[in-house]
Amino acid sequence: MNFANVFGTPHFHAVCLVVVSAAVIEALVAIWAATSRVHWFWRAIAVWAAVSVLLPIRAYQPALLFAVTSPLTTAIILSINSRRGASTPRPFRFGLRDLLLATAVIALALTSLLHLVPRLGEAHLAEFTLTAIIQTAIPTLVWAASATNRRRSCYAAILAVIVGVAIAAHSIPRPLSYDWALVGVLFESRWRFQDVEVVALAAGELTLLLLAALRISLSLRERVSAEGGRVSALRMSLLLSSASWLLCLAVIYCNMLWLQPLPPTFEGGTNNYHRLLELPKSVKTLNVAEQLAAIDEAVALVEDANFVPYDLPHDVSYDNWNKRFIAPVQQIRDLARAIDAECKAARSSGDKVRACTLALTNVRLGLMFQRGSTVIECLIGVAVQGLANQRLIELRSELSPDDARRVIAAWDRALAEAESVHSIVNRDAAMAERAYGWAARLANIVDWAGFPEVYSAVREADLRRQATTRLLQTDLAIRLYREDHGRLPARLLELIPSYLSGLPLDPYSGESLIYRTNGDEFTLYSVGKDRIDDGGKLTNMRTYYSQDGFGNFVRGYDYDLDTTTRP
């Protein structure tokens, strides 16, 4: 059982802690506004400032949530205090100064709302309602547990709220998502009751952090008063820890002020992108002869310098990105599978030259999605090239010397023309921050802070593709060398420059691939994802990518060409 899939990854918990900490700060401001004896104007300003501070980082959905729940929390606590007689009522006076101050507060609120409302996007009423219940009920009940004698009743009510809202979140018609980024920003787990888990975790953390903050505040106030200003070492350490976390939040806030800059629009030569995306429809709907004609057309079209034609910044909106690019590109798999099926048929019929040509067509087709693309397209491109490499690995002992050299040269060209994964990840991050808003920006910051999750899949896929390709090229070069010299090369350096353009490097280690000979046989492998030479200990893909209960890849295996086919 993979506990990371059930209980969440470190990235998930880091994002959750940041989001909940912001909710705690907003709740503390609301509680202070209800219990302080400071003039009402300054309390109102504090509440609205806490809401407005979210606008510069474009956190519009949370700002609307707090604009509703903070005044509501303050009003409920004031009402409870009034009923308890905890505060001495003051005679109602509303002079000219109060009128001017009220006008200023209303003006500030209207200004913020005018900035906020047009940028909210499509609101999701169910998620907003559930989150508002949590953000109002829990701070109120936590305060009541600290300020009244009904502590057990308050804790029971908190538990009831958490359970009730979590069950309600599981039963709403549409799953929570980035479309309305409140609780949806936290969804990363992969099991059936992920919404229940996320709501319960966020609400539980909100409760615990608020309880801790109120207890520390109350304890410090009483202790300092009793000891004449002295603070114990324990309380000082708690204060320093709180200050450190607030500093971290401040750093995250400052980083969220500026979006990652958009890269320049990718430019290339002749681009057949749109025509290649039309071919899958032909492959699925036409007869056999017409399908073969479509495949032959793809063979010719992929030779050009194709790329994904994003028009930045026009295509960074949610609709343009997803409807015009991400959705159509999924169909390219049908074309790649049709080409692969024809490659398999050509091999079975003995036409090794055509089989090699069709496999290299998928290499070029996958390359198109590694130029000017974002992460999803890049992953699709890697998958298409994986189909090609699978066929070429099966064919490697059957290829003629000319075809072997053609494969080596074609992959050299593809690797040289591909855009770096770093550039693709940066483009994806910049576009996501504009298409999905504050949620994507926060996820990127947490990813870069040392809790990788968002882009780790594409980085590993690229490393595996490079390792497979270098192993394939080197394997073919060794076979060519043996064909020409009647023996195996003693070292990989002997393959340069007649068979390979340079020393084949292992992308996982940055050093040469590991090569050993045993009579007429040879062993060639990469150190693999654990970046350790395990002495040529090899397995299949399922075991190679197996994980322990905490989501960590199992170590101890190297990677060779047969890893992808070994049973």
Protein backbone atom coordinates (compact mmCIF):
# COMPACT_ATOMS: atom_id res chain seq x y z
CA MET A 1 0.00 0.00 0.00
CA ASN A 2 1.36 3.42 -0.97
CA PHE A 3 0.68 5.69 1.99
CA ALA A 4 1.66 8.77 -0.05
CA ASN A 5 -1.35 8.19 -2.34
CA VAL A 6 -3.67 8.00 0.66
CA PHE A 7 -2.21 10.53 3.08
CA GLY A 8 -0.63 12.90 0.57
CA THR A 9 2.86 13.83 -0.55
CA PRO A 10 5.19 16.30 1.21
CA HIS A 11 4.26 18.81 -1.51
CA PHE A 12 0.57 18.37 -0.65
CA HIS A 13 1.14 18.92 3.07
CA ALA A 14 3.35 21.96 2.44
CA VAL A 15 0.65 23.60 0.30
CA CYS A 16 -1.99 22.67 2.88
CA LEU A 17 0.03 24.21 5.72
CA VAL A 18 0.52 27.47 3.82
CA VAL A 19 -3.18 27.77 2.90
CA VAL A 20 -4.33 26.90 6.43
CA SER A 21 -1.84 29.34 7.97
CA ALA A 22 -3.37 32.16 5.91
CA ALA A 23 -6.81 31.10 7.15
CA VAL A 24 -5.51 31.12 10.74
CA ILE A 25 -4.18 34.66 10.39
CA GLU A 26 -7.50 35.85 8.97
CA ALA A 27 -9.37 34.14 11.81
CA LEU A 28 -7.10 35.66 14.47
CA VAL A 29 -7.71 39.13 13.02
CA ALA A 30 -11.48 38.53 13.17
CA ILE A 31 -11.27 37.28 16.77
CA TRP A 32 -9.12 40.26 17.77
CA ALA A 33 -11.60 42.64 16.14
CA ALA A 34 -14.41 41.09 18.20
CA THR A 35 -12.61 41.09 21.56
CA SER A 36 -10.45 44.21 21.42
CA ARG A 37 -11.43 47.52 23.01
CA VAL A 38 -9.70 49.52 20.28
CA HIS A 39 -11.93 52.03 18.44
CA TRP A 40 -14.28 50.26 16.00
CA PHE A 41 -12.72 52.03 13.00
CA TRP A 42 -9.29 50.52 13.56
CA ARG A 43 -10.79 47.08 14.07
CA ALA A 44 -12.78 47.39 10.85
CA ILE A 45 -9.68 48.59 9.01
CA ALA A 46 -7.69 45.61 10.34
CA VAL A 47 -10.32 43.14 9.14
CA TRP A 48 -10.53 44.68 5.71
CA ALA A 49 -6.77 45.08 5.39
CA ALA A 50 -6.37 41.37 6.11
CA VAL A 51 -8.75 40.69 3.23
CA SER A 52 -7.26 43.26 0.86
CA VAL A 53 -3.70 42.01 1.36
CA LEU A 54 -4.68 38.97 -0.75
CA LEU A 55 -5.53 41.07 -3.80
CA PRO A 56 -1.94 41.91 -4.85
CA ILE A 57 -1.15 38.17 -5.05
CA ARG A 58 -4.33 37.57 -7.10
CA ALA A 59 -5.87 35.26 -4.46
CA TYR A 60 -9.34 36.48 -5.38
CA GLN A 61 -11.38 33.46 -4.29
CA PRO A 62 -9.87 33.34 -0.76
CA ALA A 63 -10.26 37.13 -0.53
CA LEU A 64 -13.99 36.83 -1.23
CA LEU A 65 -14.24 34.01 1.31
CA PHE A 66 -12.54 36.04 4.04
CA ALA A 67 -14.52 39.16 3.12
CA VAL A 68 -17.65 37.21 4.06
CA THR A 69 -16.40 35.07 6.96
CA SER A 70 -14.25 37.57 8.88
CA PRO A 71 -17.04 40.13 9.54
CA LEU A 72 -19.43 37.25 10.22
CA THR A 73 -17.05 35.68 12.76
CA THR A 74 -16.54 39.06 14.44
CA ALA A 75 -20.29 39.68 14.62
CA ILE A 76 -21.02 36.22 16.11
CA ILE A 77 -18.33 36.56 18.79
CA LEU A 78 -19.57 40.08 19.66
CA SER A 79 -23.09 38.68 19.99
CA ILE A 80 -21.91 35.84 22.26
CA ASN A 81 -19.91 38.23 24.42
CA SER A 82 -22.90 40.53 24.70
CA ARG A 83 -25.16 37.67 25.81
CA ARG A 84 -22.55 36.51 28.34
CA GLY A 85 -22.17 40.00 29.72
CA ALA A 86 -18.43 39.75 29.14
CA SER A 87 -18.27 43.26 27.73
CA THR A 88 -19.76 46.36 29.25
CA PRO A 89 -22.08 47.99 26.71
CA ARG A 90 -21.21 51.55 25.86
CA PRO A 91 -23.79 54.21 25.12
CA PHE A 92 -24.42 54.38 21.38
CA ARG A 93 -22.93 57.53 19.89
CA PHE A 94 -22.46 58.19 16.22
CA GLY A 95 -21.07 61.64 15.62
CA LEU A 96 -19.74 63.36 12.56
CA ARG A 97 -16.30 61.75 12.98
CA ASP A 98 -17.85 58.30 13.08
CA LEU A 99 -19.81 59.09 9.94
CA LEU A 100 -16.63 60.12 8.13
CA LEU A 101 -14.79 57.02 9.36
CA ALA A 102 -17.67 54.77 8.28
CA THR A 103 -17.59 56.41 4.86
CA ALA A 104 -13.86 55.68 4.61
CA VAL A 105 -14.37 52.00 5.53
CA ILE A 106 -17.19 51.63 2.99
CA ALA A 107 -15.06 53.29 0.31
CA LEU A 108 -12.19 50.92 0.97
CA ALA A 109 -14.53 47.93 0.89
CA LEU A 110 -16.16 49.01 -2.36
CA THR A 111 -12.78 49.66 -3.96
CA SER A 112 -11.60 46.18 -3.05
CA LEU A 113 -14.84 44.57 -4.24
CA LEU A 114 -14.74 46.42 -7.56
CA HIS A 115 -11.24 45.06 -8.06
CA LEU A 116 -12.19 41.60 -6.83
CA VAL A 117 -15.52 40.69 -8.44
CA PRO A 118 -14.54 40.89 -12.15
CA ARG A 119 -11.57 38.60 -11.51
CA LEU A 120 -13.28 35.82 -9.59
CA GLY A 121 -14.05 33.61 -12.56
CA GLU A 122 -16.86 31.07 -12.43
CA ALA A 123 -17.82 30.72 -8.78
CA HIS A 124 -18.64 27.32 -7.31
CA LEU A 125 -21.36 27.95 -4.76
CA ALA A 126 -21.16 24.55 -3.04
CA GLU A 127 -17.43 24.78 -2.35
CA PHE A 128 -17.71 28.42 -1.28
CA THR A 129 -20.53 27.56 1.15
CA LEU A 130 -18.69 24.59 2.68
CA THR A 131 -15.46 26.54 3.06
CA ALA A 132 -17.32 29.52 4.55
CA ILE A 133 -18.89 27.23 7.15
CA ILE A 134 -15.45 25.94 8.14
CA GLN A 135 -13.86 29.40 8.22
CA THR A 136 -16.68 30.86 10.34
CA ALA A 137 -17.65 27.99 12.63
CA ILE A 138 -14.20 26.71 13.62
CA PRO A 139 -12.67 30.09 14.67
CA THR A 140 -15.85 30.91 16.59
CA LEU A 141 -15.91 27.55 18.38
CA VAL A 142 -12.17 27.60 19.08
CA TRP A 143 -12.52 31.05 20.63
CA ALA A 144 -15.54 29.85 22.64
CA ALA A 145 -13.57 26.85 23.90
CA SER A 146 -10.88 29.23 25.22
CA ALA A 147 -13.19 31.93 26.55
CA THR A 148 -16.14 30.01 28.01
CA ASN A 149 -16.72 27.12 30.38
CA ARG A 150 -18.28 24.90 27.69
CA ARG A 151 -15.03 23.53 26.37
CA ARG A 152 -16.20 19.96 25.75
CA SER A 153 -19.33 21.10 23.96
CA CYS A 154 -17.24 23.36 21.73
CA TYR A 155 -14.82 20.56 20.86
CA ALA A 156 -17.73 18.24 20.07
CA ALA A 157 -19.25 20.92 17.85
CA ILE A 158 -15.90 21.40 16.04
CA LEU A 159 -15.71 17.66 15.38
CA ALA A 160 -19.29 17.67 14.09
CA VAL A 161 -18.52 20.56 11.74
CA ILE A 162 -15.41 18.85 10.35
CA VAL A 163 -17.18 15.52 9.79
CA GLY A 164 -20.30 17.13 8.37
CA VAL A 165 -18.46 19.38 5.91
CA ALA A 166 -16.11 16.56 4.84
CA ILE A 167 -19.07 14.29 4.04
CA ALA A 168 -20.83 17.14 2.24
CA ALA A 169 -17.69 17.79 0.16
CA HIS A 170 -17.73 14.17 -0.99
CA SER A 171 -21.37 14.37 -2.06
CA ILE A 172 -21.44 17.65 -4.02
CA PRO A 173 -22.18 17.17 -7.74
CA ARG A 174 -18.81 18.26 -9.14
CA PRO A 175 -15.40 17.37 -7.65
CA LEU A 176 -13.55 20.35 -6.22
CA SER A 177 -10.82 21.51 -8.58
CA TYR A 178 -8.62 24.38 -9.67
CA ASP A 179 -11.62 26.02 -11.39
CA TRP A 180 -12.59 27.53 -8.03
CA ALA A 181 -9.38 27.49 -6.08
CA LEU A 182 -10.31 27.26 -2.41
CA VAL A 183 -10.21 23.72 -1.02
CA GLY A 184 -9.60 22.50 -4.59
CA VAL A 185 -6.02 23.73 -4.52
CA LEU A 186 -5.16 20.96 -2.08
CA PHE A 187 -6.37 17.98 -4.11
CA GLU A 188 -3.45 15.70 -4.88
CA SER A 189 -4.25 12.34 -3.31
CA ARG A 190 -5.34 9.53 -5.63
CA TRP A 191 -7.90 7.54 -3.71
CA ARG A 192 -11.66 7.49 -3.69
CA PHE A 193 -12.31 9.69 -0.67
CA GLN A 194 -9.70 12.36 -1.45
CA ASP A 195 -12.19 15.19 -0.92
CA VAL A 196 -13.10 13.91 2.56
CA GLU A 197 -9.43 13.57 3.43
CA VAL A 198 -8.49 17.05 2.24
CA VAL A 199 -11.37 18.85 3.95
CA ALA A 200 -10.82 16.97 7.22
CA LEU A 201 -7.06 17.62 7.14
CA ALA A 202 -7.41 21.34 6.37
CA ALA A 203 -10.14 21.82 8.98
CA GLY A 204 -8.17 19.84 11.56
CA GLU A 205 -5.02 21.88 10.98
CA LEU A 206 -7.05 25.09 11.21
CA THR A 207 -8.45 23.97 14.56
CA LEU A 208 -5.10 22.93 16.04
CA LEU A 209 -3.22 26.01 14.88
CA LEU A 210 -5.94 28.34 16.16
CA LEU A 211 -6.03 26.57 19.52
CA ALA A 212 -2.26 26.81 19.81
CA ALA A 213 -2.21 30.48 18.82
CA LEU A 214 -4.95 31.47 21.27
CA ARG A 215 -3.45 29.43 24.11
CA ILE A 216 0.02 30.91 23.55
CA SER A 217 -1.40 34.42 23.36
CA LEU A 218 -3.49 34.01 26.51
CA SER A 219 -0.67 32.28 28.41
CA LEU A 220 1.85 34.94 27.47
CA ARG A 221 -0.47 37.71 28.51
CA GLU A 222 -1.12 36.15 31.91
CA ARG A 223 2.50 35.12 32.51
CA VAL A 224 4.03 38.43 31.54
CA SER A 225 1.55 40.24 33.73
CA ALA A 226 2.33 37.95 36.70
CA GLU A 227 6.12 37.99 36.27
CA GLY A 228 6.49 41.67 35.62
CA GLY A 229 7.41 41.41 31.96
CA ARG A 230 9.56 38.24 32.07
CA VAL A 231 8.95 35.44 29.55
CA SER A 232 10.00 31.84 30.19
CA ALA A 233 12.41 30.05 27.87
CA LEU A 234 9.65 27.72 26.62
CA ARG A 235 7.36 30.57 25.72
CA MET A 236 10.24 32.42 24.12
CA SER A 237 10.99 29.38 21.94
CA LEU A 238 7.32 29.23 20.94
CA LEU A 239 7.42 32.90 20.05
CA LEU A 240 10.57 32.44 17.98
CA SER A 241 9.04 29.45 16.18
CA SER A 242 5.91 31.45 15.40
CA ALA A 243 7.98 34.38 14.20
CA SER A 244 10.06 32.10 11.97
CA TRP A 245 6.96 30.63 10.37
CA LEU A 246 5.50 34.10 9.86
CA LEU A 247 8.74 35.08 8.15
CA CYS A 248 8.42 32.06 5.83
CA LEU A 249 4.86 33.09 5.00
CA ALA A 250 6.07 36.61 4.31
CA VAL A 251 8.71 35.28 1.91
CA ILE A 252 6.09 33.16 0.12
CA TYR A 253 3.79 36.20 -0.07
CA CYS A 254 6.53 38.35 -1.58
CA ASN A 255 7.29 35.65 -4.15
CA MET A 256 3.61 35.47 -5.10
CA LEU A 257 3.50 39.19 -5.89
CA TRP A 258 5.24 38.65 -9.24
CA LEU A 259 4.30 36.06 -11.80
CA GLN A 260 7.02 34.13 -13.55
CA PRO A 261 7.78 35.98 -16.81
CA LEU A 262 6.45 34.46 -20.00
CA PRO A 263 9.18 33.16 -22.32
CA PRO A 264 9.34 34.51 -25.88
CA THR A 265 7.13 32.77 -28.42
CA PHE A 266 8.89 29.73 -29.82
CA GLU A 267 10.04 30.16 -33.41
CA GLY A 268 11.03 27.46 -35.88
CA GLY A 269 10.94 26.63 -39.57
CA THR A 270 8.09 25.06 -41.55
CA ASN A 271 5.42 23.91 -39.12
CA ASN A 272 2.87 21.16 -39.94
CA TYR A 273 1.45 21.00 -36.42
CA HIS A 274 -2.22 21.59 -37.29
CA ARG A 275 -2.17 19.21 -40.24
CA LEU A 276 -0.59 16.46 -38.14
CA LEU A 277 -3.33 16.95 -35.53
CA GLU A 278 -5.95 16.42 -38.24
CA LEU A 279 -4.51 13.07 -39.35
CA PRO A 280 -5.75 11.03 -36.32
CA LYS A 281 -9.34 11.63 -37.51
CA SER A 282 -8.41 10.19 -40.90
CA VAL A 283 -6.74 7.20 -39.30
CA LYS A 284 -9.83 6.39 -37.22
CA THR A 285 -12.54 6.95 -39.86
CA LEU A 286 -11.07 6.05 -43.28
CA ASN A 287 -10.57 2.70 -44.97
CA VAL A 288 -7.27 0.81 -44.93
CA ALA A 289 -5.87 2.35 -48.13
CA GLU A 290 -6.71 5.86 -46.97
CA GLN A 291 -5.21 5.14 -43.55
CA LEU A 292 -1.95 4.08 -45.20
CA ALA A 293 -2.02 7.28 -47.27
CA ALA A 294 -2.46 9.32 -44.05
CA ILE A 295 0.47 7.49 -42.45
CA ASP A 296 2.65 8.11 -45.52
CA GLU A 297 1.68 11.79 -45.35
CA ALA A 298 2.79 11.85 -41.70
CA VAL A 299 6.14 10.29 -42.71
CA ALA A 300 6.76 13.27 -44.98
CA LEU A 301 5.35 15.98 -42.69
CA VAL A 302 7.40 15.06 -39.61
CA GLU A 303 10.67 15.82 -41.38
CA ASP A 304 10.02 19.56 -41.08
CA ALA A 305 10.85 21.67 -38.02
CA ASN A 306 7.46 21.19 -36.35
CA PHE A 307 6.58 22.67 -32.97
CA VAL A 308 3.61 23.57 -30.75
CA PRO A 309 2.52 27.05 -31.97
CA TYR A 310 1.58 28.83 -28.76
CA ASP A 311 0.95 32.54 -29.26
CA LEU A 312 2.04 34.06 -25.96
CA PRO A 313 0.53 35.82 -24.08
CA HIS A 314 -2.72 35.28 -26.04
CA ASP A 315 -2.95 31.55 -25.29
CA VAL A 316 -2.34 31.68 -21.53
CA SER A 317 -6.06 31.80 -20.66
CA TYR A 318 -7.69 28.68 -19.26
CA ASP A 319 -9.99 28.21 -22.27
CA ASN A 320 -7.37 28.78 -24.98
CA TRP A 321 -4.79 26.57 -23.34
CA ASN A 322 -7.10 23.65 -22.58
CA LYS A 323 -9.56 23.73 -25.47
CA ARG A 324 -7.29 24.74 -28.35
CA PHE A 325 -4.18 22.80 -27.34
CA ILE A 326 -4.39 20.27 -24.50
CA ALA A 327 -7.66 18.60 -25.57
CA PRO A 328 -6.82 18.13 -29.30
CA VAL A 329 -3.26 16.92 -28.65
CA GLN A 330 -4.56 13.88 -26.77
CA GLN A 331 -5.74 12.45 -30.11
CA ILE A 332 -2.19 12.30 -31.48
CA ARG A 333 -1.81 9.01 -29.62
CA ASP A 334 -4.18 7.45 -32.20
CA LEU A 335 -1.87 8.49 -35.02
CA ALA A 336 1.20 7.25 -33.14
CA ARG A 337 -0.46 3.88 -32.46
CA ALA A 338 -1.48 3.55 -36.11
CA ILE A 339 2.10 4.25 -37.21
CA ASP A 340 3.38 1.75 -34.64
CA ALA A 341 0.90 -0.90 -35.81
CA GLU A 342 2.03 -0.40 -39.41
CA CYS A 343 5.66 -0.62 -38.23
CA LYS A 344 4.90 -3.96 -36.56
CA ALA A 345 3.17 -5.20 -39.72
CA ALA A 346 6.12 -4.15 -41.88
CA ARG A 347 8.52 -6.03 -39.62
CA SER A 348 6.36 -9.15 -39.74
CA SER A 349 6.32 -9.02 -43.54
CA GLY A 350 10.12 -8.72 -43.64
CA ASP A 351 10.24 -5.07 -44.76
CA LYS A 352 12.81 -3.93 -42.18
CA VAL A 353 13.56 -0.67 -44.02
CA ARG A 354 9.92 0.49 -43.86
CA ALA A 355 9.64 -0.68 -40.23
CA CYS A 356 12.69 1.44 -39.37
CA THR A 357 11.28 4.42 -41.28
CA LEU A 358 7.94 4.23 -39.45
CA ALA A 359 9.62 3.95 -36.05
CA LEU A 360 11.69 7.03 -36.83
CA THR A 361 8.48 8.78 -37.90
CA ASN A 362 7.23 8.41 -34.33
CA VAL A 363 10.58 9.77 -33.10
CA ARG A 364 10.00 12.91 -35.18
CA LEU A 365 6.30 13.07 -34.23
CA GLY A 366 7.19 12.97 -30.55
CA LEU A 367 9.84 15.63 -31.12
CA MET A 368 7.15 18.06 -32.27
CA PHE A 369 5.69 18.04 -28.76
CA GLN A 370 9.07 18.84 -27.21
CA ARG A 371 9.43 22.15 -29.03
CA GLY A 372 7.50 25.21 -27.83
CA SER A 373 5.32 22.97 -25.66
CA THR A 374 4.11 22.70 -22.08
CA VAL A 375 4.41 19.73 -19.72
CA ILE A 376 1.40 17.70 -20.87
CA GLU A 377 2.41 17.91 -24.53
CA CYS A 378 6.00 17.08 -23.64
CA LEU A 379 4.87 13.95 -21.77
CA ILE A 380 2.77 12.90 -24.76
CA GLY A 381 5.80 13.44 -27.00
CA VAL A 382 7.96 11.31 -24.71
CA ALA A 383 5.30 8.57 -24.76
CA VAL A 384 5.19 8.63 -28.58
CA GLN A 385 8.98 8.35 -28.73
CA GLY A 386 8.73 5.52 -26.22
CA LEU A 387 6.64 3.59 -28.74
CA ALA A 388 9.32 4.24 -31.35
CA ASN A 389 12.16 3.12 -29.09
CA GLN A 390 10.23 -0.02 -28.15
CA ARG A 391 10.12 -1.05 -31.81
CA LEU A 392 13.72 -0.05 -32.46
CA ILE A 393 14.90 -2.09 -29.45
CA GLU A 394 13.09 -5.12 -30.87
CA LEU A 395 14.59 -4.43 -34.32
CA ARG A 396 18.15 -3.65 -33.24
CA SER A 397 19.59 -7.08 -34.05
CA GLU A 398 17.78 -7.18 -37.42
CA LEU A 399 18.72 -3.76 -38.83
CA SER A 400 21.10 -3.44 -41.73
CA PRO A 401 24.25 -1.35 -41.16
CA ASP A 402 22.72 1.49 -43.17
CA ASP A 403 19.53 1.45 -41.10
CA ALA A 404 21.52 1.25 -37.86
CA ARG A 405 23.46 4.35 -38.88
CA ARG A 406 20.17 6.00 -39.88
CA VAL A 407 18.73 5.39 -36.41
CA ILE A 408 21.83 6.80 -34.68
CA ALA A 409 21.79 9.91 -36.90
CA ALA A 410 18.03 10.43 -36.53
CA TRP A 411 18.23 10.34 -32.76
CA ASP A 412 21.23 12.69 -32.76
CA ARG A 413 19.14 15.14 -34.76
CA ALA A 414 16.07 14.73 -32.53
CA LEU A 415 18.04 15.26 -29.32
CA ALA A 416 19.75 18.32 -30.79
CA GLU A 417 16.46 19.88 -31.94
CA ALA A 418 14.45 19.18 -28.78
CA GLU A 419 13.87 22.06 -26.40
CA SER A 420 15.31 21.56 -22.94
CA VAL A 421 12.94 20.27 -20.26
CA HIS A 422 13.94 23.26 -18.13
CA SER A 423 12.54 25.63 -20.78
CA ILE A 424 9.36 23.56 -21.13
CA VAL A 425 8.81 23.48 -17.37
CA ASN A 426 9.34 27.25 -17.12
CA ARG A 427 6.85 27.88 -19.94
CA ASP A 428 4.31 25.59 -18.29
CA ALA A 429 4.79 27.25 -14.90
CA ALA A 430 4.41 30.76 -16.34
CA MET A 431 1.28 29.81 -18.29
CA ALA A 432 -0.26 27.90 -15.37
CA GLU A 433 0.11 30.90 -13.07
CA ARG A 434 -1.96 32.97 -15.49
CA ALA A 435 -4.49 30.30 -16.43
CA TYR A 436 -5.11 28.85 -12.94
CA GLY A 437 -4.21 31.84 -10.76
CA TRP A 438 -2.83 31.92 -7.25
CA ALA A 439 -3.16 28.15 -6.73
CA ALA A 440 -0.66 27.38 -9.50
CA ARG A 441 1.69 30.13 -8.33
CA LEU A 442 1.69 28.72 -4.78
CA ALA A 443 2.24 25.17 -6.07
CA ASN A 444 5.21 26.36 -8.13
CA ILE A 445 6.77 28.17 -5.16
CA VAL A 446 6.41 25.09 -2.94
CA ASP A 447 7.88 22.95 -5.74
CA TRP A 448 10.91 25.23 -6.06
CA ALA A 449 11.29 25.42 -2.26
CA GLY A 450 12.31 21.77 -2.13
CA PHE A 451 9.01 19.86 -2.17
CA PRO A 452 8.95 18.71 -5.82
CA GLU A 453 5.71 17.28 -7.11
CA VAL A 454 4.34 19.32 -9.96
CA TYR A 455 7.12 18.81 -12.52
CA SER A 456 8.98 15.77 -11.21
CA ALA A 457 7.15 13.42 -13.60
CA VAL A 458 8.29 15.20 -16.75
CA ARG A 459 11.88 15.43 -15.49
CA GLU A 460 12.02 11.68 -14.83
CA ALA A 461 10.34 10.88 -18.16
CA ASP A 462 12.92 12.98 -19.99
CA LEU A 463 15.83 11.30 -18.17
CA ARG A 464 14.46 7.86 -19.00
CA ARG A 465 13.98 8.84 -22.66
CA GLN A 466 17.54 10.15 -22.88
CA ALA A 467 18.94 7.05 -21.16
CA THR A 468 17.01 4.71 -23.46
CA THR A 469 18.11 6.64 -26.52
CA ARG A 470 21.79 6.72 -25.57
CA LEU A 471 21.69 3.00 -24.76
CA LEU A 472 20.05 2.27 -28.12
CA GLN A 473 22.55 4.36 -30.09
CA THR A 474 25.48 2.81 -28.26
CA ASP A 475 24.11 -0.71 -28.67
CA LEU A 476 23.76 -0.19 -32.44
CA ALA A 477 27.25 1.35 -32.63
CA ILE A 478 28.76 -1.66 -30.81
CA ARG A 479 27.05 -4.01 -33.26
CA LEU A 480 28.36 -1.96 -36.21
CA TYR A 481 31.86 -2.05 -34.75
CA ARG A 482 31.68 -5.83 -34.32
CA GLU A 483 30.42 -6.18 -37.90
CA ASP A 484 33.36 -4.14 -39.22
CA HIS A 485 36.16 -5.42 -36.97
CA GLY A 486 35.10 -8.93 -36.07
CA ARG A 487 35.33 -8.19 -32.34
CA LEU A 488 33.76 -6.06 -29.65
CA PRO A 489 35.30 -2.69 -28.78
CA ALA A 490 37.39 -2.81 -25.63
CA ARG A 491 36.12 0.61 -24.60
CA LEU A 492 33.32 2.90 -25.73
CA LEU A 493 35.93 5.46 -26.79
CA GLU A 494 36.74 3.20 -29.75
CA LEU A 495 33.31 4.00 -31.19
CA ILE A 496 34.24 7.68 -31.66
CA PRO A 497 34.01 9.22 -34.24
CA SER A 498 33.27 6.49 -36.79
CA TYR A 499 30.11 5.23 -35.09
CA LEU A 500 29.15 7.83 -32.48
CA SER A 501 29.66 11.58 -32.56
CA GLY A 502 30.73 11.66 -28.91
CA LEU A 503 31.10 9.61 -25.74
CA PRO A 504 27.60 8.32 -24.78
CA LEU A 505 26.83 9.87 -21.43
CA ASP A 506 24.42 8.51 -18.87
CA PRO A 507 21.91 11.32 -18.13
CA TYR A 508 21.46 10.02 -14.58
CA SER A 509 25.14 10.22 -13.64
CA GLY A 510 26.66 12.60 -16.19
CA GLU A 511 29.36 9.99 -16.83
CA SER A 512 29.82 7.35 -19.52
CA LEU A 513 27.35 4.50 -19.81
CA ILE A 514 28.65 1.35 -18.15
CA TYR A 515 30.01 -1.16 -20.65
CA ARG A 516 31.48 -4.59 -19.98
CA THR A 517 32.43 -7.47 -22.26
CA ASN A 518 32.31 -11.21 -21.67
CA GLY A 519 33.71 -13.05 -24.66
CA ASP A 520 31.44 -12.32 -27.61
CA GLU A 521 28.73 -10.85 -25.42
CA PHE A 522 28.50 -7.41 -23.86
CA THR A 523 26.60 -5.67 -21.08
CA LEU A 524 25.54 -2.05 -21.41
CA TYR A 525 23.47 -0.16 -18.87
CA SER A 526 22.71 3.11 -17.11
CA VAL A 527 22.91 3.55 -13.34
CA GLY A 528 19.22 4.47 -13.42
CA LYS A 529 17.09 6.66 -11.22
CA ASP A 530 18.93 5.84 -7.98
CA ARG A 531 22.13 7.16 -9.64
CA ILE A 532 24.16 4.28 -8.15
CA ASP A 533 25.97 1.54 -10.06
CA ASP A 534 24.38 -1.60 -8.63
CA GLY A 535 26.73 -3.86 -10.58
CA GLY A 536 24.38 -4.51 -13.46
CA LYS A 537 21.44 -5.65 -11.35
CA LEU A 538 18.56 -5.45 -13.83
CA THR A 539 14.80 -5.98 -13.68
CA ASN A 540 11.58 -5.10 -15.51
CA MET A 541 9.73 -1.78 -15.63
CA ARG A 542 7.21 -2.73 -12.96
CA THR A 543 9.88 -3.52 -10.40
CA TYR A 544 12.16 -0.71 -11.57
CA TYR A 545 9.44 1.87 -10.82
CA SER A 546 8.00 0.16 -7.76
CA GLN A 547 7.52 2.30 -4.65
CA ASP A 548 7.56 1.67 -0.94
CA GLY A 549 4.70 2.59 1.36
CA PHE A 550 5.86 6.19 1.57
CA GLY A 551 5.98 6.80 -2.17
CA ASN A 552 9.78 6.48 -2.49
CA PHE A 553 11.17 4.58 -5.46
CA VAL A 554 12.77 1.27 -4.53
CA ARG A 555 16.54 1.47 -5.03
CA GLY A 556 19.03 -1.17 -6.10
CA TYR A 557 18.44 -1.58 -9.84
CA ASP A 558 20.21 -0.41 -12.96
CA TYR A 559 18.54 0.33 -16.30
CA ASP A 560 19.21 -1.27 -19.70
CA LEU A 561 17.38 -1.61 -23.01
CA ASP A 562 15.66 -4.82 -21.95
CA THR A 563 14.19 -3.23 -18.83
CA THR A 564 11.26 -2.08 -20.97
CA THR A 565 10.58 -5.59 -22.37
CA ARG A 566 11.80 -7.96 -19.64
CA PRO A 567 8.88 -9.99 -18.17
